[in-house]
C-alpha atoms as a PDB file:
ATOM      1  CA  MET A   1       0.000   0.000   0.000  1.00  0.00           C
ATOM      2  CA  GLY A   2       2.935   2.325   0.592  1.00  0.00           C
ATOM      3  CA  VAL A   3       3.962   2.374  -3.074  1.00  0.00           C
ATOM      4  CA  ILE A   4       0.459   3.234  -4.230  1.00  0.00           C
ATOM      5  CA  TRP A   5       0.040   5.934  -1.597  1.00  0.00           C
ATOM      6  CA  ASP A   6       3.440   7.475  -2.425  1.00  0.00           C
ATOM      7  CA  PHE A   7       2.489   7.451  -6.102  1.00  0.00           C
ATOM      8  CA  ILE A   8      -0.779   9.304  -5.440  1.00  0.00           C
ATOM      9  CA  VAL A   9       0.874  11.844  -3.126  1.00  0.00           C
ATOM     10  CA  ASP A  10       3.698  12.528  -5.603  1.00  0.00           C
ATOM     11  CA  ILE A  11       1.224  13.039  -8.453  1.00  0.00           C
ATOM     12  CA  TRP A  12      -0.866  15.359  -6.254  1.00  0.00           C
ATOM     13  CA  ASN A  13       2.154  17.451  -5.264  1.00  0.00           C
ATOM     14  CA  GLY A  14       3.399  17.676  -8.840  1.00  0.00           C
ATOM     15  CA  VAL A  15       6.654  15.867  -8.108  1.00  0.00           C
ATOM     16  CA  ILE A  16       6.074  13.251 -10.806  1.00  0.00           C
ATOM     17  CA  ASP A  17       5.040  13.872 -14.384  1.00  0.00           C
ATOM     18  CA  PHE A  18       2.144  11.463 -14.737  1.00  0.00           C
ATOM     19  CA  GLY A  19       2.754  10.754 -18.423  1.00  0.00           C
ATOM     20  CA  SER A  20       6.308   9.509 -18.057  1.00  0.00           C
ATOM     21  CA  TYR A  21       5.531   7.680 -14.808  1.00  0.00           C
ATOM     22  CA  ALA A  22       2.520   5.955 -16.349  1.00  0.00           C
ATOM     23  CA  ILE A  23       4.605   4.659 -19.225  1.00  0.00           C
ATOM     24  CA  GLU A  24       7.303   3.324 -16.889  1.00  0.00           C
ATOM     25  CA  ASN A  25       4.841   1.703 -14.458  1.00  0.00           C
ATOM     26  CA  LEU A  26       1.959   0.732 -16.679  1.00  0.00           C
ATOM     27  CA  ASP A  27       1.065  -2.284 -14.554  1.00  0.00           C
ATOM     28  CA  LEU A  28       0.538  -0.093 -11.475  1.00  0.00           C
ATOM     29  CA  VAL A  29      -1.641   2.343 -13.401  1.00  0.00           C
ATOM     30  CA  ALA A  30      -3.696  -0.514 -14.867  1.00  0.00           C
ATOM     31  CA  PHE A  31      -4.060  -2.031 -11.401  1.00  0.00           C
ATOM     32  CA  LEU A  32      -5.287   1.281  -9.961  1.00  0.00           C
ATOM     33  CA  ILE A  33      -7.810   1.738 -12.760  1.00  0.00           C
ATOM     34  CA  LEU A  34      -9.065  -1.832 -12.355  1.00  0.00           C
ATOM     35  CA  ALA A  35      -9.312  -1.389  -8.582  1.00  0.00           C
ATOM     36  CA  ALA A  36     -11.330   1.807  -9.018  1.00  0.00           C
ATOM     37  CA  ILE A  37     -13.709   0.095 -11.452  1.00  0.00           C
ATOM     38  CA  THR A  38     -14.125  -2.839  -9.059  1.00  0.00           C
ATOM     39  CA  ILE A  39     -14.892  -0.623  -6.074  1.00  0.00           C
ATOM     40  CA  LEU A  40     -17.353   1.536  -8.018  1.00  0.00           C
ATOM     41  CA  ALA A  41     -19.141  -1.510  -9.442  1.00  0.00           C
ATOM     42  CA  ALA A  42     -19.369  -3.075  -5.969  1.00  0.00           C
ATOM     43  CA  LEU A  43     -20.884   0.137  -4.619  1.00  0.00           C
ATOM     44  CA  TYR A  44     -23.406   0.165  -7.472  1.00  0.00           C
ATOM     45  CA  VAL A  45     -24.368  -3.445  -6.645  1.00  0.00           C
ATOM     46  CA  VAL A  46     -25.441  -2.336  -3.186  1.00  0.00           C
ATOM     47  CA  HIS A  47     -26.815   1.075  -4.148  1.00  0.00           C
ATOM     48  CA  ASP A  48     -28.870   0.359  -7.286  1.00  0.00           C
ATOM     49  CA  LYS A  49     -32.593  -0.201  -6.768  1.00  0.00           C
ATOM     50  CA  GLU A  50     -33.077  -2.298  -9.894  1.00  0.00           C
ATOM     51  CA  VAL A  51     -32.181  -5.911  -9.207  1.00  0.00           C
ATOM     52  CA  MET A  52     -31.186  -6.657 -12.802  1.00  0.00           C
ATOM     53  CA  HIS A  53     -28.815  -3.702 -12.842  1.00  0.00           C
ATOM     54  CA  SER A  54     -27.295  -4.955  -9.602  1.00  0.00           C
ATOM     55  CA  ALA A  55     -26.812  -8.385 -11.172  1.00  0.00           C
ATOM     56  CA  PHE A  56     -24.955  -6.878 -14.111  1.00  0.00           C
ATOM     57  CA  TYR A  57     -22.789  -4.759 -11.817  1.00  0.00           C
ATOM     58  CA  LEU A  58     -22.051  -7.934  -9.870  1.00  0.00           C
ATOM     59  CA  ALA A  59     -20.937  -9.547 -13.129  1.00  0.00           C
ATOM     60  CA  LEU A  60     -18.577  -6.606 -13.632  1.00  0.00           C
ATOM     61  CA  VAL A  61     -17.173  -7.116 -10.128  1.00  0.00           C
ATOM     62  CA  PHE A  62     -16.617 -10.820 -10.833  1.00  0.00           C
ATOM     63  CA  LEU A  63     -14.945  -9.965 -14.136  1.00  0.00           C
ATOM     64  CA  CYS A  64     -12.598  -7.513 -12.429  1.00  0.00           C
ATOM     65  CA  VAL A  65     -11.719 -10.086  -9.772  1.00  0.00           C
ATOM     66  CA  GLY A  66     -10.866 -12.497 -12.573  1.00  0.00           C
ATOM     67  CA  LEU A  67      -8.611  -9.853 -14.088  1.00  0.00           C
ATOM     68  CA  PHE A  68      -6.912  -9.420 -10.709  1.00  0.00           C
ATOM     69  CA  TYR A  69      -6.003 -13.109 -10.893  1.00  0.00           C
ATOM     70  CA  PHE A  70      -4.362 -12.416 -14.249  1.00  0.00           C
ATOM     71  CA  PHE A  71      -2.342  -9.637 -12.612  1.00  0.00           C
ATOM     72  CA  LEU A  72      -1.195 -12.183 -10.035  1.00  0.00           C
ATOM     73  CA  GLU A  73      -0.164 -14.534 -12.875  1.00  0.00           C
ATOM     74  CA  ALA A  74      -2.776 -17.112 -11.894  1.00  0.00           C
ATOM     75  CA  GLU A  75      -4.347 -17.401 -15.329  1.00  0.00           C
ATOM     76  CA  PHE A  76      -6.193 -20.638 -14.616  1.00  0.00           C
ATOM     77  CA  LEU A  77      -7.948 -19.139 -11.595  1.00  0.00           C
ATOM     78  CA  GLY A  78      -8.806 -16.061 -13.638  1.00  0.00           C
ATOM     79  CA  VAL A  79     -10.411 -18.126 -16.373  1.00  0.00           C
ATOM     80  CA  ILE A  80     -12.318 -20.258 -13.853  1.00  0.00           C
ATOM     81  CA  GLN A  81     -13.469 -17.107 -12.036  1.00  0.00           C
ATOM     82  CA  MET A  82     -14.792 -15.660 -15.263  1.00  0.00           C
ATOM     83  CA  LEU A  83     -16.444 -18.862 -16.430  1.00  0.00           C
ATOM     84  CA  VAL A  84     -18.084 -19.852 -13.159  1.00  0.00           C
ATOM     85  CA  TYR A  85     -18.964 -16.550 -11.572  1.00  0.00           C
ATOM     86  CA  VAL A  86     -19.505 -14.260 -14.547  1.00  0.00           C
ATOM     87  CA  GLY A  87     -21.062 -16.957 -16.675  1.00  0.00           C
ATOM     88  CA  ALA A  88     -23.003 -19.171 -14.322  1.00  0.00           C
ATOM     89  CA  ILE A  89     -23.770 -17.237 -11.143  1.00  0.00           C
ATOM     90  CA  THR A  90     -24.744 -13.998 -12.871  1.00  0.00           C
ATOM     91  CA  ILE A  91     -26.992 -15.827 -15.327  1.00  0.00           C
ATOM     92  CA  LEU A  92     -28.540 -17.674 -12.374  1.00  0.00           C
ATOM     93  CA  PHE A  93     -29.288 -14.349 -10.669  1.00  0.00           C
ATOM     94  CA  ALA A  94     -30.712 -12.908 -13.876  1.00  0.00           C
ATOM     95  CA  PHE A  95     -33.014 -15.874 -14.486  1.00  0.00           C
ATOM     96  CA  SER A  96     -34.172 -15.973 -10.875  1.00  0.00           C
ATOM     97  CA  VAL A  97     -35.122 -12.303 -11.078  1.00  0.00           C
ATOM     98  CA  MET A  98     -36.859 -12.686 -14.433  1.00  0.00           C
ATOM     99  CA  LEU A  99     -38.819 -15.786 -13.443  1.00  0.00           C
ATOM    100  CA  THR A 100     -40.150 -14.557 -10.121  1.00  0.00           C
ATOM    101  CA  ARG A 101     -43.282 -12.491  -9.969  1.00  0.00           C
ATOM    102  CA  ARG A 102     -43.047  -9.032  -8.551  1.00  0.00           C
ATOM    103  CA  TYR A 103     -46.014  -7.454  -6.901  1.00  0.00           C
ATOM    104  CA  ILE A 104     -45.929  -3.699  -6.669  1.00  0.00           C
ATOM    105  CA  VAL A 105     -47.412  -2.591  -3.378  1.00  0.00           C
ATOM    106  CA  THR A 106     -49.086   0.788  -3.361  1.00  0.00           C
ATOM    107  CA  LYS A 107     -50.076   2.897  -0.382  1.00  0.00           C
ATOM    108  CA  GLU A 108     -53.733   1.946  -0.828  1.00  0.00           C
ATOM    109  CA  ASP A 109     -52.813  -1.740  -0.529  1.00  0.00           C
ATOM    110  CA  ASP A 110     -50.890  -1.057   2.683  1.00  0.00           C
ATOM    111  CA  SER A 111     -53.837   0.710   4.302  1.00  0.00           C
ATOM    112  CA  ASP A 112     -56.157  -2.266   3.653  1.00  0.00           C
ATOM    113  CA  GLU A 113     -54.022  -4.603   5.751  1.00  0.00           C
END
C-alpha cells in the first residue's frame, strides 16, 4: 500500500510527471484503474434499486476479480473465475429475477391490511 500511496501523493504534489511515470509503471496504473472500477461496481451493486442492474454490476465485479487473478499470474484461476462466476452465477441471478413475480405494493394496498 505504501507504493500506491506514495504514487498518489507525488502526483498530487506535482513531483512526478504522470505521463512519463505511467509509461514506466503501466502495470501499477492498470491495477489502480481496475481497482477503481471494481470498487465503483461493488458500490453500485449495493446502491442500485433495480435488481437486474445490480446483477450486471455484480458480473462486472466478478470480471474484475478475474482480471486481478491475471495480474497475479494465476491465469487458470482467472479463467475459472470468469467462467463460473460471470457466466453461471450472474446468469442464475438474472433468471431468478426474471422468473419470479413481482407485486408492486401501493399505499392503498398497505392501508387495507
